[in-house]
Amino acid sequence: MTTISTTPRTESPRPAPKPGFDPRLAPIIDKVDQGERLSIADGLLLYETPDIWTLCELADRVRRRLHGDAAYYNINRHLNYSNICALSCKFCAFHRKKDQDGAYEHSVEQIREEAHKAVASGATEMHIVGGLHPWLKFDYYTTMLRTIREAAPALHIKAFTAVEIVHLAKISQRGKQGYEGIKSVLRDLIDAGLGSLPGGGAEVFDDRVHDEVFKGKIRSTQWLDVHKAAHELGLNSNATMLYGHVDQRHERIRHMDILRRAQDIALRRIGYEAEGTKERRDEGTEGYPDCIRDWPGAVVLTRPGAQLPNPDASGGYHQTIIPLPFFPDESELEHLPAPTGLENLRTLAICRLMLDNFPHVKAFWIMQTLEMAQFMLQNGADDIDGTVVWYDITKLEGPTTHQEASVADLQRAIREAGFTPIERDTLYRPVERNLQTGAWRVIR
């Protein structure tokens, strides 16, 4: 069994039935209390029930069982190295063609300058993603990583979505090698300085949604293969779900189920035992990606007394789920309404309950608003991301890509929500800072 760390946990009282209580939720409450995995039917009921209060209380109960009153943030800096992209996904307002107004690509010297700015701001992480640039060579990406590592040796580099990794395999002439080509690309990137993978590009794992909204983009099997390969090489990663466009609720639940099965496999690889002898093929699993066909059974981390992986010793797994609401503005789908705040809250709470083997749930304040992220901390989330500074994927308010929160902003938001702010690094290890010098270190 792998070495694992004990996280302080507090157990809140079981939610008492209130006026408006939906009795259909009683079996789900029992499952949550006993640490049993919720079924797909349970997830659909959580979307359908009008009893949002019990849903949110259950998500908060699990969140506090895992993390007590701790709420995480980090000091990070985002870098979008280019918005030029070979794809034209309908939901995306970020991409440009090479000669289109607003198109850009950063030089190595510009990237070096961004790394220096990150160090000056006290960042522990550089978060890097971009478009699928049709003409940049593979050595541009390895040079980018080496440049950042040289300019900022202590900075953790979280970079490249699974979509980008598959693109890098193609441009480096390793695309036809399949899974081994992906692993070869990741090895080169790790050697150049890559520390972990972000979770973007997952969208919703469904062929109907894929073909309608982002045809040409990689399908779920390739996304899962990239993250599996990263985990096998010792990299941690995140996962996302971009919802609220043409997707339906049952497709989101299916997405969550696929993710947690992939996480079961990752956790088994690092030494966790599957619980029970449930059927390998559950309800609604027809057509699931090949990479999770050898599903070992459920590994539930949210049951009372379970221990979370130690990021220093465990190897690769999914750290956090980040539900991302769709922003229709300036995309080909701008005729669609964005999801409501209530739908966003419900989706995040369901993620906390369904994804029982994900240690963390992030309310990404850039796309949820800082005020909504505060509320989400009380309803399943334990992390609100970081200072960000520059984010060009979505513009929450107005046209600017300068979207920054100070450390004081983040700490105040967390305290106002009733939690204790904990600065973390990319791997969710606490960070200690010298208030006089700004120097920081990871507390292990």
Protein backbone atom coordinates (compact mmCIF):
# COMPACT_ATOMS: atom_id res chain seq x y z
CA MET A 1 0.00 0.00 0.00
CA THR A 2 1.30 3.42 -0.86
CA THR A 3 2.24 5.93 1.82
CA ILE A 4 -0.71 8.20 2.44
CA SER A 5 -1.32 11.23 4.59
CA THR A 6 -4.06 11.77 7.12
CA THR A 7 -6.18 14.86 6.54
CA PRO A 8 -8.01 16.30 9.57
CA ARG A 9 -11.73 15.73 9.15
CA THR A 10 -14.80 16.97 10.99
CA GLU A 11 -18.20 15.34 10.73
CA SER A 12 -21.19 17.66 10.70
CA PRO A 13 -24.55 16.45 12.05
CA ARG A 14 -26.74 14.53 9.65
CA PRO A 15 -29.11 16.93 7.88
CA ALA A 16 -32.50 16.80 9.57
CA PRO A 17 -35.61 16.62 7.37
CA LYS A 18 -36.98 20.10 6.73
CA PRO A 19 -40.10 21.45 5.08
CA GLY A 20 -39.74 20.62 1.42
CA PHE A 21 -37.57 17.56 2.09
CA ASP A 22 -37.66 15.15 -0.84
CA PRO A 23 -38.13 11.63 0.65
CA ARG A 24 -36.57 10.12 -2.49
CA LEU A 25 -33.24 11.42 -1.19
CA ALA A 26 -33.32 9.28 1.96
CA PRO A 27 -31.45 6.33 0.38
CA ILE A 28 -28.85 8.72 -1.02
CA ILE A 29 -28.34 10.22 2.44
CA ASP A 30 -27.75 6.71 3.81
CA LYS A 31 -25.22 5.98 1.06
CA VAL A 32 -23.34 9.22 1.74
CA ASP A 33 -23.27 8.54 5.49
CA GLN A 34 -21.96 5.01 4.92
CA GLY A 35 -19.47 6.05 2.24
CA GLU A 36 -21.07 4.06 -0.57
CA ARG A 37 -20.77 5.06 -4.22
CA LEU A 38 -23.81 6.77 -5.70
CA SER A 39 -25.28 5.25 -8.85
CA ILE A 40 -26.03 6.96 -12.13
CA ALA A 41 -29.71 6.89 -11.15
CA ASP A 42 -28.80 8.64 -7.89
CA GLY A 43 -26.96 11.33 -9.83
CA LEU A 44 -29.95 11.91 -12.11
CA LEU A 45 -32.23 12.22 -9.09
CA LEU A 46 -29.90 14.84 -7.59
CA TYR A 47 -30.36 16.87 -10.77
CA GLU A 48 -34.13 16.40 -10.79
CA THR A 49 -34.99 16.97 -7.13
CA PRO A 50 -36.41 20.35 -6.16
CA ASP A 51 -34.78 19.86 -2.75
CA ILE A 52 -31.60 21.79 -3.45
CA TRP A 53 -31.13 22.36 0.30
CA THR A 54 -30.60 18.69 1.13
CA LEU A 55 -28.35 18.24 -1.91
CA CYS A 56 -26.11 21.12 -0.82
CA GLU A 57 -26.07 19.98 2.81
CA LEU A 58 -24.90 16.54 1.70
CA ALA A 59 -22.16 18.02 -0.49
CA ASP A 60 -21.02 20.23 2.40
CA ARG A 61 -21.06 17.23 4.71
CA VAL A 62 -18.68 15.33 2.44
CA ARG A 63 -16.52 18.40 1.86
CA ARG A 64 -16.08 18.91 5.62
CA ARG A 65 -15.44 15.19 6.15
CA LEU A 66 -12.49 15.52 3.77
CA HIS A 67 -11.11 18.95 4.60
CA GLY A 68 -12.71 20.29 7.77
CA ASP A 69 -12.84 24.08 7.60
CA ALA A 70 -9.81 24.40 5.31
CA ALA A 71 -10.27 26.15 1.95
CA TYR A 72 -7.43 26.34 -0.53
CA TYR A 73 -6.01 29.01 -2.83
CA ASN A 74 -2.69 29.49 -4.56
CA ILE A 75 -0.56 32.25 -6.02
CA ASN A 76 -0.34 31.45 -9.70
CA ARG A 77 0.01 33.09 -13.08
CA HIS A 78 -1.69 31.97 -16.27
CA LEU A 79 0.06 32.05 -19.63
CA ASN A 80 -1.75 31.57 -22.94
CA TYR A 81 1.19 31.29 -25.33
CA SER A 82 -0.96 31.56 -28.48
CA ASN A 83 -4.62 31.79 -29.42
CA ILE A 84 -4.00 30.60 -32.99
CA CYS A 85 -5.77 27.28 -33.38
CA ALA A 86 -6.35 24.75 -36.14
CA LEU A 87 -9.78 23.95 -34.66
CA SER A 88 -12.91 26.09 -34.69
CA CYS A 89 -15.01 24.70 -31.84
CA LYS A 90 -18.45 26.30 -31.71
CA PHE A 91 -18.33 27.01 -27.98
CA CYS A 92 -14.93 28.75 -28.10
CA ALA A 93 -14.46 32.52 -28.38
CA PHE A 94 -10.72 32.22 -27.68
CA HIS A 95 -9.41 30.80 -30.95
CA ARG A 96 -8.15 32.88 -33.90
CA LYS A 97 -6.71 32.09 -37.31
CA LYS A 98 -3.22 33.36 -38.07
CA ASP A 99 -4.19 36.52 -39.97
CA GLN A 100 -7.31 37.27 -37.95
CA ASP A 101 -7.57 40.37 -35.76
CA GLY A 102 -6.41 39.61 -32.23
CA ALA A 103 -4.26 36.60 -33.17
CA TYR A 104 -1.02 36.29 -31.20
CA GLU A 105 1.84 33.95 -30.37
CA HIS A 106 4.44 34.65 -27.70
CA SER A 107 8.15 34.51 -28.34
CA VAL A 108 10.52 32.69 -26.03
CA GLU A 109 11.72 36.04 -24.69
CA GLN A 110 8.16 37.07 -23.88
CA ILE A 111 7.68 33.77 -22.06
CA ARG A 112 10.89 34.36 -20.10
CA GLU A 113 9.53 37.75 -19.06
CA GLU A 114 6.28 36.15 -17.90
CA ALA A 115 8.30 33.74 -15.76
CA HIS A 116 10.18 36.63 -14.18
CA LYS A 117 6.86 38.37 -13.45
CA ALA A 118 5.56 35.21 -11.85
CA VAL A 119 8.58 35.01 -9.54
CA ALA A 120 8.25 38.69 -8.65
CA SER A 121 4.61 38.17 -7.70
CA GLY A 122 5.49 35.25 -5.43
CA ALA A 123 3.78 32.67 -7.63
CA THR A 124 4.33 28.98 -6.98
CA GLU A 125 2.71 27.91 -10.27
CA MET A 126 2.65 28.82 -13.95
CA HIS A 127 -0.48 27.52 -15.67
CA ILE A 128 0.06 27.25 -19.44
CA VAL A 129 -2.43 26.42 -22.19
CA GLY A 130 -2.98 27.61 -25.75
CA GLY A 131 -4.49 26.87 -29.11
CA LEU A 132 -3.44 24.09 -31.47
CA HIS A 133 -1.02 26.21 -33.46
CA PRO A 134 -0.62 24.66 -36.93
CA TRP A 135 2.96 25.83 -37.57
CA LEU A 136 4.87 25.92 -34.28
CA LYS A 137 7.36 23.06 -34.04
CA PHE A 138 7.64 20.67 -31.11
CA ASP A 139 10.88 22.24 -29.93
CA TYR A 140 8.99 25.51 -29.33
CA TYR A 141 7.17 23.78 -26.46
CA THR A 142 10.20 22.11 -24.91
CA THR A 143 12.16 25.35 -25.23
CA MET A 144 9.28 27.17 -23.53
CA LEU A 145 9.44 24.81 -20.57
CA ARG A 146 13.22 24.91 -20.29
CA THR A 147 13.17 28.71 -20.47
CA ILE A 148 10.69 28.92 -17.59
CA ARG A 149 12.62 26.37 -15.55
CA GLU A 150 15.83 28.33 -16.11
CA ALA A 151 14.23 31.68 -15.24
CA ALA A 152 12.21 30.35 -12.30
CA PRO A 153 13.56 27.03 -10.99
CA ALA A 154 11.11 26.82 -8.06
CA LEU A 155 8.04 27.49 -10.19
CA HIS A 156 5.80 24.47 -10.78
CA ILE A 157 4.79 24.23 -14.43
CA LYS A 158 1.26 22.97 -15.01
CA ALA A 159 0.86 22.93 -18.76
CA PHE A 160 -0.96 21.65 -21.83
CA THR A 161 -4.40 20.11 -22.00
CA ALA A 162 -4.84 16.59 -23.32
CA VAL A 163 -5.94 18.15 -26.61
CA GLU A 164 -2.60 19.94 -26.86
CA ILE A 165 -0.66 16.80 -25.93
CA VAL A 166 -2.29 14.86 -28.78
CA HIS A 167 -1.47 17.78 -31.10
CA LEU A 168 2.17 17.70 -29.93
CA ALA A 169 2.31 13.99 -30.69
CA LYS A 170 1.19 14.73 -34.25
CA ILE A 171 3.63 17.56 -34.92
CA SER A 172 6.50 15.55 -33.45
CA GLN A 173 5.69 12.67 -35.82
CA ARG A 174 4.59 10.38 -33.00
CA GLY A 175 0.84 10.54 -33.52
CA LYS A 176 0.68 7.17 -35.28
CA GLN A 177 2.38 5.51 -32.32
CA GLY A 178 -0.80 5.84 -30.32
CA TYR A 179 -0.51 5.48 -26.56
CA GLU A 180 3.25 4.95 -26.63
CA GLY A 181 3.62 8.10 -28.73
CA ILE A 182 1.70 10.06 -26.09
CA LYS A 183 3.96 8.69 -23.35
CA SER A 184 7.05 9.55 -25.39
CA VAL A 185 5.88 13.15 -25.80
CA LEU A 186 5.11 13.42 -22.09
CA ARG A 187 8.57 12.10 -21.20
CA ASP A 188 10.18 14.80 -23.33
CA LEU A 189 8.00 17.47 -21.73
CA ILE A 190 8.77 16.19 -18.23
CA ASP A 191 12.47 16.29 -19.02
CA ALA A 192 12.03 19.91 -20.13
CA GLY A 193 10.25 20.89 -16.90
CA LEU A 194 6.58 19.84 -17.02
CA GLY A 195 5.26 19.21 -13.50
CA SER A 196 1.56 18.34 -13.95
CA LEU A 197 -1.36 18.54 -16.37
CA PRO A 198 -4.38 20.85 -16.19
CA GLY A 199 -7.80 19.35 -16.81
CA GLY A 200 -9.02 21.30 -19.82
CA GLY A 201 -10.35 19.85 -23.02
CA ALA A 202 -12.58 17.23 -21.41
CA GLU A 203 -15.79 19.20 -22.14
CA VAL A 204 -18.51 16.50 -21.86
CA PHE A 205 -17.67 12.88 -22.67
CA ASP A 206 -20.44 12.16 -25.17
CA ASP A 207 -20.22 11.56 -28.91
CA ARG A 208 -23.46 13.41 -29.65
CA VAL A 209 -22.26 16.51 -27.84
CA HIS A 210 -18.80 16.15 -29.35
CA ASP A 211 -20.07 15.99 -32.92
CA GLU A 212 -22.43 18.93 -32.48
CA VAL A 213 -20.16 21.37 -30.67
CA PHE A 214 -16.49 20.48 -31.14
CA LYS A 215 -16.18 18.04 -34.01
CA GLY A 216 -12.53 17.51 -34.90
CA LYS A 217 -11.41 17.74 -31.30
CA ILE A 218 -10.16 14.61 -29.55
CA ARG A 219 -12.77 12.26 -28.14
CA SER A 220 -13.00 11.00 -24.59
CA THR A 221 -10.78 7.96 -25.21
CA GLN A 222 -7.82 10.10 -26.22
CA TRP A 223 -8.36 12.55 -23.34
CA LEU A 224 -8.42 9.67 -20.88
CA ASP A 225 -5.38 8.04 -22.51
CA VAL A 226 -3.33 11.22 -22.09
CA HIS A 227 -4.16 11.48 -18.40
CA LYS A 228 -3.61 7.76 -17.85
CA ALA A 229 -0.18 8.03 -19.48
CA ALA A 230 0.62 11.07 -17.34
CA HIS A 231 -0.38 9.19 -14.20
CA GLU A 232 1.77 6.22 -15.15
CA LEU A 233 4.71 8.60 -15.51
CA GLY A 234 4.09 10.05 -12.06
CA LEU A 235 2.32 13.28 -13.03
CA ASN A 236 -0.79 14.43 -11.21
CA SER A 237 -3.54 16.05 -13.23
CA ASN A 238 -6.89 17.76 -12.95
CA ALA A 239 -10.18 17.13 -14.74
CA THR A 240 -12.89 19.45 -15.99
CA MET A 241 -16.42 19.36 -17.31
CA LEU A 242 -17.61 22.21 -19.54
CA TYR A 243 -21.39 22.11 -19.25
CA GLY A 244 -24.44 24.19 -20.03
CA HIS A 245 -24.33 24.35 -23.84
CA VAL A 246 -25.99 21.56 -25.86
CA ASP A 247 -25.29 18.90 -23.22
CA GLN A 248 -28.03 17.29 -21.18
CA ARG A 249 -27.94 16.42 -17.52
CA HIS A 250 -27.72 12.67 -18.04
CA GLU A 251 -24.67 13.24 -20.24
CA ARG A 252 -22.99 15.15 -17.41
CA ILE A 253 -23.64 12.28 -15.01
CA ARG A 254 -22.16 9.87 -17.54
CA HIS A 255 -19.11 12.16 -17.79
CA MET A 256 -18.69 12.05 -14.02
CA ASP A 257 -19.02 8.27 -13.96
CA ILE A 258 -16.36 7.86 -16.66
CA LEU A 259 -14.02 10.17 -14.75
CA ARG A 260 -14.43 8.36 -11.46
CA ARG A 261 -13.84 4.98 -13.11
CA ALA A 262 -10.63 6.34 -14.63
CA GLN A 263 -9.67 7.59 -11.17
CA ASP A 264 -10.43 4.17 -9.67
CA ILE A 265 -7.84 2.72 -12.05
CA ALA A 266 -5.29 5.41 -11.13
CA LEU A 267 -5.80 4.87 -7.39
CA ARG A 268 -5.52 1.10 -7.75
CA ARG A 269 -2.20 1.67 -9.53
CA ILE A 270 -0.81 3.53 -6.49
CA GLY A 271 -1.94 0.94 -3.99
CA TYR A 272 -5.56 1.53 -3.02
CA GLU A 273 -7.87 -1.45 -2.81
CA ALA A 274 -11.22 -1.50 -4.60
CA GLU A 275 -14.17 -1.85 -2.24
CA GLY A 276 -16.78 -4.54 -2.68
CA THR A 277 -17.40 -6.83 -5.63
CA LYS A 278 -19.84 -4.76 -7.63
CA GLU A 279 -20.54 -5.70 -11.21
CA ARG A 280 -17.87 -4.43 -13.59
CA ARG A 281 -20.54 -3.14 -15.95
CA ASP A 282 -23.02 -0.85 -14.26
CA GLU A 283 -26.16 0.80 -15.55
CA GLY A 284 -25.73 2.88 -18.69
CA THR A 285 -22.11 1.96 -19.39
CA GLU A 286 -22.61 0.80 -22.95
CA GLY A 287 -20.13 2.50 -25.22
CA TYR A 288 -17.77 3.57 -22.45
CA PRO A 289 -14.17 4.21 -23.61
CA ASP A 290 -11.93 1.18 -24.00
CA CYS A 291 -9.38 2.52 -21.52
CA ILE A 292 -11.72 1.94 -18.57
CA ARG A 293 -12.94 -1.51 -19.57
CA ASP A 294 -10.60 -3.07 -16.99
CA TRP A 295 -12.35 -1.14 -14.24
CA PRO A 296 -11.30 -2.70 -10.90
CA GLY A 297 -14.28 -1.57 -8.82
CA ALA A 298 -14.93 1.51 -6.71
CA VAL A 299 -12.24 3.20 -4.63
CA VAL A 300 -14.14 5.64 -2.41
CA LEU A 301 -12.09 8.37 -0.72
CA THR A 302 -15.07 10.22 0.75
CA ARG A 303 -16.16 7.47 3.14
CA PRO A 304 -15.60 8.15 6.86
CA GLY A 305 -12.02 7.36 7.84
CA ALA A 306 -10.61 7.06 4.32
CA GLN A 307 -7.23 8.65 3.69
CA LEU A 308 -6.24 10.86 0.79
CA PRO A 309 -3.15 10.22 -1.36
CA ASN A 310 0.12 11.81 -0.33
CA PRO A 311 1.25 13.86 -3.36
CA ASP A 312 4.89 13.42 -2.34
CA ALA A 313 4.73 9.64 -2.47
CA SER A 314 1.72 8.35 -4.33
CA GLY A 315 2.39 8.84 -8.03
CA GLY A 316 -0.11 10.08 -10.57
CA TYR A 317 -3.83 10.57 -10.07
CA HIS A 318 -6.55 13.18 -10.61
CA GLN A 319 -6.33 15.82 -7.88
CA THR A 320 -9.45 17.86 -8.50
CA ILE A 321 -12.60 18.18 -10.57
CA ILE A 322 -13.37 21.64 -11.93
CA PRO A 323 -16.92 22.10 -13.25
CA LEU A 324 -16.87 24.97 -15.76
CA PRO A 325 -20.04 26.76 -16.88
CA PHE A 326 -20.35 27.57 -20.57
CA PHE A 327 -20.04 31.23 -21.59
CA PRO A 328 -21.93 31.81 -24.87
CA ASP A 329 -20.73 35.37 -25.53
CA GLU A 330 -18.90 35.85 -28.86
CA SER A 331 -19.00 32.13 -29.71
CA GLU A 332 -21.02 30.40 -32.41
CA LEU A 333 -23.38 29.29 -29.65
CA GLU A 334 -24.08 32.76 -28.29
CA HIS A 335 -27.77 32.25 -29.05
CA LEU A 336 -27.86 29.76 -26.17
CA PRO A 337 -28.46 30.90 -22.60
CA ALA A 338 -25.65 30.40 -20.11
CA PRO A 339 -26.41 28.11 -17.16
CA THR A 340 -28.02 29.84 -14.21
CA GLY A 341 -26.34 30.32 -10.86
CA LEU A 342 -28.59 27.69 -9.34
CA GLU A 343 -27.63 25.21 -12.05
CA ASN A 344 -23.96 25.96 -11.43
CA LEU A 345 -24.38 25.40 -7.69
CA ARG A 346 -26.32 22.18 -8.23
CA THR A 347 -23.73 20.84 -10.67
CA LEU A 348 -20.82 21.53 -8.34
CA ALA A 349 -22.59 19.90 -5.39
CA ILE A 350 -23.38 16.83 -7.50
CA CYS A 351 -19.73 16.65 -8.60
CA ARG A 352 -18.69 16.50 -4.94
CA LEU A 353 -21.10 13.63 -4.26
CA MET A 354 -20.61 11.63 -7.47
CA LEU A 355 -16.82 12.00 -7.74
CA ASP A 356 -16.18 10.25 -4.45
CA ASN A 357 -12.56 9.45 -5.31
CA PHE A 358 -11.46 12.97 -6.23
CA PRO A 359 -9.73 14.62 -3.26
CA HIS A 360 -10.72 18.16 -4.28
CA VAL A 361 -13.49 20.11 -5.97
CA LYS A 362 -12.59 23.55 -7.33
CA ALA A 363 -14.92 26.51 -7.72
CA PHE A 364 -12.85 28.34 -10.35
CA TRP A 365 -13.63 31.92 -9.40
CA ILE A 366 -12.73 33.28 -12.84
CA MET A 367 -15.71 31.47 -14.37
CA GLN A 368 -17.99 31.32 -11.33
CA THR A 369 -17.30 34.83 -9.92
CA LEU A 370 -15.59 35.26 -6.57
CA GLU A 371 -18.94 35.80 -4.84
CA MET A 372 -20.35 32.54 -6.23
CA ALA A 373 -17.14 30.72 -5.35
CA GLN A 374 -17.65 31.79 -1.73
CA PHE A 375 -21.11 30.23 -1.76
CA MET A 376 -19.76 27.10 -3.42
CA LEU A 377 -17.25 26.65 -0.59
CA GLN A 378 -20.27 26.10 1.63
CA ASN A 379 -21.78 23.58 -0.77
CA GLY A 380 -19.07 21.13 -1.79
CA ALA A 381 -16.01 23.05 -3.02
CA ASP A 382 -12.78 23.26 -1.02
CA ASP A 383 -10.66 25.31 -3.48
CA ILE A 384 -11.19 28.57 -5.39
CA ASP A 385 -7.96 28.60 -7.48
CA GLY A 386 -5.53 31.49 -7.33
CA THR A 387 -4.50 34.99 -8.24
CA VAL A 388 -4.51 34.13 -12.00
CA VAL A 389 -3.59 37.67 -13.30
CA TRP A 390 -4.08 37.03 -17.03
CA TYR A 391 -6.75 34.74 -18.46
CA ASP A 392 -7.72 34.81 -22.12
CA ILE A 393 -9.96 31.75 -22.43
CA THR A 394 -13.11 33.43 -21.15
CA LYS A 395 -13.83 37.03 -20.23
CA LEU A 396 -16.12 37.08 -17.23
CA GLU A 397 -16.81 40.81 -17.24
CA GLY A 398 -15.91 43.00 -20.21
CA PRO A 399 -13.29 42.50 -22.93
CA THR A 400 -10.12 42.53 -20.83
CA THR A 401 -8.01 39.46 -20.20
CA HIS A 402 -6.57 41.01 -17.04
CA GLN A 403 -8.51 39.09 -14.39
CA GLU A 404 -6.68 39.22 -11.10
CA ALA A 405 -7.48 38.65 -7.45
CA SER A 406 -5.02 39.60 -4.75
CA VAL A 407 -4.08 37.24 -1.95
CA ALA A 408 -6.00 39.52 0.41
CA ASP A 409 -9.08 39.21 -1.84
CA LEU A 410 -8.90 35.42 -1.80
CA GLN A 411 -8.25 35.15 1.91
CA ARG A 412 -11.06 37.56 2.73
CA ALA A 413 -13.48 35.68 0.48
CA ILE A 414 -12.63 32.40 2.18
CA ARG A 415 -12.95 33.83 5.69
CA GLU A 416 -16.26 35.51 4.87
CA ALA A 417 -17.53 32.10 3.74
CA GLY A 418 -16.66 30.70 7.18
CA PHE A 419 -13.47 28.81 6.33
CA THR A 420 -9.75 28.99 7.09
CA PRO A 421 -7.66 30.03 4.07
CA ILE A 422 -4.76 27.69 3.31
CA GLU A 423 -2.24 28.63 0.64
CA ARG A 424 -1.29 25.54 -1.35
CA ASP A 425 1.08 24.65 -4.12
CA THR A 426 -0.06 22.90 -7.30
CA LEU A 427 -0.04 19.49 -5.58
CA TYR A 428 -2.15 20.73 -2.65
CA ARG A 429 0.73 20.85 -0.20
CA PRO A 430 0.48 23.77 2.27
CA VAL A 431 2.79 26.71 1.60
CA GLU A 432 4.46 28.77 4.31
CA ARG A 433 5.64 32.33 3.53
CA ASN A 434 8.03 34.74 5.18
CA LEU A 435 5.96 37.91 5.44
CA GLN A 436 9.05 40.12 5.43
CA THR A 437 10.94 38.64 2.46
CA GLY A 438 8.15 36.92 0.55
CA ALA A 439 10.17 33.70 0.46
CA TRP A 440 8.06 30.55 0.52
CA ARG A 441 8.46 26.86 1.15
CA VAL A 442 6.25 23.80 0.94
CA ILE A 443 5.31 22.25 4.27
CA ARG A 444 5.64 18.50 3.99
